[in-house]
Amino acid sequence: MSVKELLQLARTLGIDSQRIQGEVQKQLTPGPMVAIAPAPARTAEPEFSFEGTLKFPMQFELLGRRVSRKARIRWEYTPEWRHLNRKGEVVTRQNECFAFRPELLAEVDDDREVWETGPDGEDQLRMWRTKWIPFDFLEDGFLTEELNEHIVQIIDEDARRLNAERKAKQSKKAADDSDETESC
């Protein structure tokens, strides 16, 4: 339920939410009261047609020392060319849409302990020497425009390969369904 809906419900029930808000504000801070505004409406996350991971070695120099690390870009992509989306529907977009999550494989010299939330939602202690960490080397100005375009080209080629696999799988399924119908 949104804040706006809660305030409307309070008014309907005869609850003076402004007075309650004022009392709470006085108890929490000696400063002026801050009005509660409804949260802005969330826009739906785009559903991308393709996803993948582009892995590569990365080297950089820092303070006269050269460092080599593994890097990857976890990507999601919806192209503007005609393709099958994840649901198997034929889609054509006006504009392509990307989401990138660049990461670097951090390495330490000795085992480290770290608390992580597992797939079951429980916290667990884990030992690690390597760990993928966010590293936004795709930020404007870090790489050359030519290199950025090359990355996009590789991702587009991978999406075309995935699209061809989807088409082949869909054709095979249609042929299998046709065979089942004919045998009846």
C-alpha atoms as a PDB file:
ATOM      1  CA  MET A   1       0.000   0.000   0.000  1.00  0.00           C
ATOM      2  CA  SER A   2       1.440   3.398  -0.934  1.00  0.00           C
ATOM      3  CA  VAL A   3       1.861   6.302   1.494  1.00  0.00           C
ATOM      4  CA  LYS A   4      -0.892   8.173  -0.353  1.00  0.00           C
ATOM      5  CA  GLU A   5      -3.285   5.231   0.105  1.00  0.00           C
ATOM      6  CA  LEU A   6      -2.372   4.936   3.802  1.00  0.00           C
ATOM      7  CA  LEU A   7      -3.053   8.635   4.368  1.00  0.00           C
ATOM      8  CA  GLN A   8      -6.404   8.315   2.562  1.00  0.00           C
ATOM      9  CA  LEU A   9      -7.313   5.307   4.732  1.00  0.00           C
ATOM     10  CA  ALA A  10      -6.355   7.238   7.879  1.00  0.00           C
ATOM     11  CA  ARG A  11      -8.630  10.130   6.840  1.00  0.00           C
ATOM     12  CA  THR A  12     -11.469   7.671   6.155  1.00  0.00           C
ATOM     13  CA  LEU A  13     -11.060   6.177   9.640  1.00  0.00           C
ATOM     14  CA  GLY A  14     -10.993   9.624  11.239  1.00  0.00           C
ATOM     15  CA  ILE A  15      -7.340   9.429  12.260  1.00  0.00           C
ATOM     16  CA  ASP A  16      -5.527  12.762  12.382  1.00  0.00           C
ATOM     17  CA  SER A  17      -2.327  11.693  10.640  1.00  0.00           C
ATOM     18  CA  GLN A  18      -0.947  15.255  10.597  1.00  0.00           C
ATOM     19  CA  ARG A  19      -1.176  15.460  14.409  1.00  0.00           C
ATOM     20  CA  ILE A  20       0.437  12.029  14.827  1.00  0.00           C
ATOM     21  CA  GLN A  21       3.169  12.935  12.364  1.00  0.00           C
ATOM     22  CA  GLY A  22       3.819  16.158  14.296  1.00  0.00           C
ATOM     23  CA  GLU A  23       4.054  14.326  17.632  1.00  0.00           C
ATOM     24  CA  VAL A  24       6.439  11.729  16.235  1.00  0.00           C
ATOM     25  CA  GLN A  25       8.546  14.448  14.609  1.00  0.00           C
ATOM     26  CA  LYS A  26       8.807  16.345  17.927  1.00  0.00           C
ATOM     27  CA  GLN A  27       9.971  13.192  19.714  1.00  0.00           C
ATOM     28  CA  LEU A  28      12.545  12.237  17.105  1.00  0.00           C
ATOM     29  CA  THR A  29      14.119  15.582  16.218  1.00  0.00           C
ATOM     30  CA  PRO A  30      13.958  19.079  17.612  1.00  0.00           C
ATOM     31  CA  GLY A  31      13.962  20.488  14.057  1.00  0.00           C
ATOM     32  CA  PRO A  32      11.031  21.486  11.839  1.00  0.00           C
ATOM     33  CA  MET A  33       8.472  18.950  10.689  1.00  0.00           C
ATOM     34  CA  VAL A  34       9.061  17.360   7.297  1.00  0.00           C
ATOM     35  CA  ALA A  35       5.928  16.565   5.330  1.00  0.00           C
ATOM     36  CA  ILE A  36       5.514  13.003   4.126  1.00  0.00           C
ATOM     37  CA  ALA A  37       5.000  12.946   0.391  1.00  0.00           C
ATOM     38  CA  PRO A  38       3.848   9.940  -1.580  1.00  0.00           C
ATOM     39  CA  ALA A  39       6.709   7.988  -3.104  1.00  0.00           C
ATOM     40  CA  PRO A  40       7.180   8.532  -6.829  1.00  0.00           C
ATOM     41  CA  ALA A  41       5.661   5.822  -8.983  1.00  0.00           C
ATOM     42  CA  ARG A  42       8.152   3.133  -9.947  1.00  0.00           C
ATOM     43  CA  THR A  43       8.750   2.516 -13.579  1.00  0.00           C
ATOM     44  CA  ALA A  44       8.768  -1.111 -14.572  1.00  0.00           C
ATOM     45  CA  GLU A  45      12.190  -2.590 -15.221  1.00  0.00           C
ATOM     46  CA  PRO A  46      12.594  -3.391 -18.887  1.00  0.00           C
ATOM     47  CA  GLU A  47      12.478  -7.067 -19.715  1.00  0.00           C
ATOM     48  CA  PHE A  48      15.506  -7.720 -21.858  1.00  0.00           C
ATOM     49  CA  SER A  49      15.429 -10.267 -24.660  1.00  0.00           C
ATOM     50  CA  PHE A  50      18.989 -11.557 -24.216  1.00  0.00           C
ATOM     51  CA  GLU A  51      21.553 -11.868 -21.454  1.00  0.00           C
ATOM     52  CA  GLY A  52      25.094 -13.124 -21.260  1.00  0.00           C
ATOM     53  CA  THR A  53      28.586 -12.636 -19.909  1.00  0.00           C
ATOM     54  CA  LEU A  54      31.588 -11.300 -21.779  1.00  0.00           C
ATOM     55  CA  LYS A  55      34.842 -12.393 -20.047  1.00  0.00           C
ATOM     56  CA  PHE A  56      38.328 -11.055 -20.781  1.00  0.00           C
ATOM     57  CA  PRO A  57      41.696 -10.314 -19.145  1.00  0.00           C
ATOM     58  CA  MET A  58      42.311  -6.732 -18.026  1.00  0.00           C
ATOM     59  CA  GLN A  59      45.610  -5.013 -17.289  1.00  0.00           C
ATOM     60  CA  PHE A  60      46.190  -1.567 -15.889  1.00  0.00           C
ATOM     61  CA  GLU A  61      49.051   0.372 -14.391  1.00  0.00           C
ATOM     62  CA  LEU A  62      48.791   2.156 -11.065  1.00  0.00           C
ATOM     63  CA  LEU A  63      51.654   4.048  -9.409  1.00  0.00           C
ATOM     64  CA  GLY A  64      54.167   2.379 -11.690  1.00  0.00           C
ATOM     65  CA  ARG A  65      52.897  -1.146 -10.988  1.00  0.00           C
ATOM     66  CA  ARG A  66      51.156  -3.310 -13.579  1.00  0.00           C
ATOM     67  CA  VAL A  67      48.137  -5.289 -12.400  1.00  0.00           C
ATOM     68  CA  SER A  68      46.432  -8.099 -14.336  1.00  0.00           C
ATOM     69  CA  ARG A  69      42.947  -9.261 -13.399  1.00  0.00           C
ATOM     70  CA  LYS A  70      40.098 -11.175 -14.953  1.00  0.00           C
ATOM     71  CA  ALA A  71      37.159  -8.976 -15.858  1.00  0.00           C
ATOM     72  CA  ARG A  72      33.663  -9.569 -17.135  1.00  0.00           C
ATOM     73  CA  ILE A  73      30.631  -7.673 -18.285  1.00  0.00           C
ATOM     74  CA  ARG A  74      27.321  -9.247 -17.341  1.00  0.00           C
ATOM     75  CA  TRP A  75      24.932  -7.823 -19.896  1.00  0.00           C
ATOM     76  CA  GLU A  76      21.267  -7.733 -20.845  1.00  0.00           C
ATOM     77  CA  TYR A  77      20.210  -6.539 -24.260  1.00  0.00           C
ATOM     78  CA  THR A  78      17.153  -5.969 -26.409  1.00  0.00           C
ATOM     79  CA  PRO A  79      18.182  -5.176 -30.002  1.00  0.00           C
ATOM     80  CA  GLU A  80      16.283  -3.094 -32.526  1.00  0.00           C
ATOM     81  CA  TRP A  81      16.413  -5.883 -35.104  1.00  0.00           C
ATOM     82  CA  ARG A  82      13.634  -8.501 -35.394  1.00  0.00           C
ATOM     83  CA  HIS A  83      14.209 -11.342 -32.905  1.00  0.00           C
ATOM     84  CA  LEU A  84      12.590 -13.878 -30.578  1.00  0.00           C
ATOM     85  CA  ASN A  85      12.375 -12.694 -26.986  1.00  0.00           C
ATOM     86  CA  ARG A  86      12.679 -15.015 -23.964  1.00  0.00           C
ATOM     87  CA  LYS A  87       8.999 -15.947 -24.265  1.00  0.00           C
ATOM     88  CA  GLY A  88       9.443 -17.004 -27.897  1.00  0.00           C
ATOM     89  CA  GLU A  89       7.531 -14.005 -29.254  1.00  0.00           C
ATOM     90  CA  VAL A  90       8.725 -12.161 -32.359  1.00  0.00           C
ATOM     91  CA  VAL A  91       9.751  -8.641 -31.325  1.00  0.00           C
ATOM     92  CA  THR A  92      11.082  -5.557 -33.110  1.00  0.00           C
ATOM     93  CA  ARG A  93      12.007  -2.461 -31.080  1.00  0.00           C
ATOM     94  CA  GLN A  94      12.463   1.122 -32.199  1.00  0.00           C
ATOM     95  CA  ASN A  95      15.605   1.543 -30.064  1.00  0.00           C
ATOM     96  CA  GLU A  96      18.029  -0.965 -28.628  1.00  0.00           C
ATOM     97  CA  CYS A  97      18.220  -1.230 -24.851  1.00  0.00           C
ATOM     98  CA  PHE A  98      21.246  -2.329 -22.762  1.00  0.00           C
ATOM     99  CA  ALA A  99      22.100  -3.015 -19.134  1.00  0.00           C
ATOM    100  CA  PHE A 100      25.735  -3.623 -18.187  1.00  0.00           C
ATOM    101  CA  ARG A 101      27.267  -4.850 -14.927  1.00  0.00           C
ATOM    102  CA  PRO A 102      31.061  -4.671 -15.281  1.00  0.00           C
ATOM    103  CA  GLU A 103      33.020  -6.611 -12.652  1.00  0.00           C
ATOM    104  CA  LEU A 104      36.628  -7.364 -11.772  1.00  0.00           C
ATOM    105  CA  LEU A 105      37.895 -10.522 -10.064  1.00  0.00           C
ATOM    106  CA  ALA A 106      39.538  -9.331  -6.843  1.00  0.00           C
ATOM    107  CA  GLU A 107      42.341 -11.537  -5.550  1.00  0.00           C
ATOM    108  CA  VAL A 108      43.910 -11.597  -2.071  1.00  0.00           C
ATOM    109  CA  ASP A 109      47.100 -13.301  -0.897  1.00  0.00           C
ATOM    110  CA  ASP A 110      45.523 -15.166   2.017  1.00  0.00           C
ATOM    111  CA  ASP A 111      42.116 -16.626   2.837  1.00  0.00           C
ATOM    112  CA  ARG A 112      39.570 -14.041   3.957  1.00  0.00           C
ATOM    113  CA  GLU A 113      36.347 -14.594   5.834  1.00  0.00           C
ATOM    114  CA  VAL A 114      33.227 -12.881   4.614  1.00  0.00           C
ATOM    115  CA  TRP A 115      29.595 -13.111   5.680  1.00  0.00           C
ATOM    116  CA  GLU A 116      27.250 -13.567   2.738  1.00  0.00           C
ATOM    117  CA  THR A 117      23.549 -14.163   2.400  1.00  0.00           C
ATOM    118  CA  GLY A 118      23.011 -17.559   0.824  1.00  0.00           C
ATOM    119  CA  PRO A 119      20.297 -18.572  -1.658  1.00  0.00           C
ATOM    120  CA  ASP A 120      18.122 -19.650   1.280  1.00  0.00           C
ATOM    121  CA  GLY A 121      18.313 -16.132   2.770  1.00  0.00           C
ATOM    122  CA  GLU A 122      20.477 -17.272   5.690  1.00  0.00           C
ATOM    123  CA  ASP A 123      23.788 -15.574   6.472  1.00  0.00           C
ATOM    124  CA  GLN A 124      26.788 -17.847   6.169  1.00  0.00           C
ATOM    125  CA  LEU A 125      30.527 -17.471   6.680  1.00  0.00           C
ATOM    126  CA  ARG A 126      32.586 -18.164   3.572  1.00  0.00           C
ATOM    127  CA  MET A 127      36.324 -18.204   2.917  1.00  0.00           C
ATOM    128  CA  TRP A 128      37.562 -16.592  -0.263  1.00  0.00           C
ATOM    129  CA  ARG A 129      40.703 -15.678  -2.154  1.00  0.00           C
ATOM    130  CA  THR A 130      38.889 -14.374  -5.225  1.00  0.00           C
ATOM    131  CA  LYS A 131      35.610 -12.519  -5.523  1.00  0.00           C
ATOM    132  CA  TRP A 132      33.819 -10.670  -8.342  1.00  0.00           C
ATOM    133  CA  ILE A 133      33.420  -6.996  -7.390  1.00  0.00           C
ATOM    134  CA  PRO A 134      31.725  -4.112  -9.224  1.00  0.00           C
ATOM    135  CA  PHE A 135      34.218  -2.027 -11.239  1.00  0.00           C
ATOM    136  CA  ASP A 136      32.591   0.439 -13.597  1.00  0.00           C
ATOM    137  CA  PHE A 137      35.153   0.661 -16.370  1.00  0.00           C
ATOM    138  CA  LEU A 138      32.290   1.326 -18.809  1.00  0.00           C
ATOM    139  CA  GLU A 139      31.749   4.813 -17.365  1.00  0.00           C
ATOM    140  CA  ASP A 140      31.958   7.494 -20.075  1.00  0.00           C
ATOM    141  CA  GLY A 141      35.537   8.537 -20.720  1.00  0.00           C
ATOM    142  CA  PHE A 142      37.281   5.504 -19.168  1.00  0.00           C
ATOM    143  CA  LEU A 143      37.493   3.504 -22.407  1.00  0.00           C
ATOM    144  CA  THR A 144      37.782   4.884 -25.915  1.00  0.00           C
ATOM    145  CA  GLU A 145      34.605   5.238 -27.974  1.00  0.00           C
ATOM    146  CA  GLU A 146      36.056   2.706 -30.419  1.00  0.00           C
ATOM    147  CA  LEU A 147      36.488   0.125 -27.644  1.00  0.00           C
ATOM    148  CA  ASN A 148      32.970   0.785 -26.314  1.00  0.00           C
ATOM    149  CA  GLU A 149      31.565   0.220 -29.814  1.00  0.00           C
ATOM    150  CA  HIS A 150      33.597  -2.997 -30.123  1.00  0.00           C
ATOM    151  CA  ILE A 151      32.077  -4.297 -26.853  1.00  0.00           C
ATOM    152  CA  VAL A 152      28.572  -3.495 -28.121  1.00  0.00           C
ATOM    153  CA  GLN A 153      29.371  -5.264 -31.420  1.00  0.00           C
ATOM    154  CA  ILE A 154      30.513  -8.424 -29.577  1.00  0.00           C
ATOM    155  CA  ILE A 155      27.329  -8.394 -27.472  1.00  0.00           C
ATOM    156  CA  ASP A 156      25.169  -7.890 -30.575  1.00  0.00           C
ATOM    157  CA  GLU A 157      26.897 -10.844 -32.295  1.00  0.00           C
ATOM    158  CA  ASP A 158      26.312 -13.015 -29.214  1.00  0.00           C
ATOM    159  CA  ALA A 159      22.633 -11.984 -29.163  1.00  0.00           C
ATOM    160  CA  ARG A 160      22.319 -12.924 -32.850  1.00  0.00           C
ATOM    161  CA  ARG A 161      23.836 -16.338 -32.049  1.00  0.00           C
ATOM    162  CA  LEU A 162      21.376 -16.803 -29.156  1.00  0.00           C
ATOM    163  CA  ASN A 163      18.504 -15.722 -31.418  1.00  0.00           C
ATOM    164  CA  ALA A 164      19.524 -18.319 -34.037  1.00  0.00           C
ATOM    165  CA  GLU A 165      19.564 -20.982 -31.291  1.00  0.00           C
ATOM    166  CA  ARG A 166      16.067 -19.922 -30.174  1.00  0.00           C
ATOM    167  CA  LYS A 167      14.768 -20.077 -33.750  1.00  0.00           C
ATOM    168  CA  ALA A 168      16.266 -23.549 -34.249  1.00  0.00           C
ATOM    169  CA  LYS A 169      14.783 -24.752 -30.958  1.00  0.00           C
ATOM    170  CA  GLN A 170      11.383 -23.274 -31.860  1.00  0.00           C
ATOM    171  CA  SER A 171      11.491 -24.905 -35.332  1.00  0.00           C
ATOM    172  CA  LYS A 172      12.432 -28.271 -33.814  1.00  0.00           C
ATOM    173  CA  LYS A 173       9.585 -27.993 -31.293  1.00  0.00           C
ATOM    174  CA  ALA A 174       7.132 -27.107 -34.084  1.00  0.00           C
ATOM    175  CA  ALA A 175       8.344 -30.105 -36.118  1.00  0.00           C
ATOM    176  CA  ASP A 176       8.040 -32.410 -33.082  1.00  0.00           C
ATOM    177  CA  ASP A 177       4.518 -31.111 -32.390  1.00  0.00           C
ATOM    178  CA  SER A 178       3.614 -31.674 -36.041  1.00  0.00           C
ATOM    179  CA  ASP A 179       4.905 -35.277 -35.885  1.00  0.00           C
ATOM    180  CA  GLU A 180       2.771 -35.948 -32.793  1.00  0.00           C
ATOM    181  CA  THR A 181      -0.333 -34.552 -34.524  1.00  0.00           C
ATOM    182  CA  GLU A 182       0.217 -36.697 -37.635  1.00  0.00           C
ATOM    183  CA  SER A 183       0.612 -39.892 -35.595  1.00  0.00           C
ATOM    184  CA  CYS A 184      -2.820 -39.479 -33.989  1.00  0.00           C
END
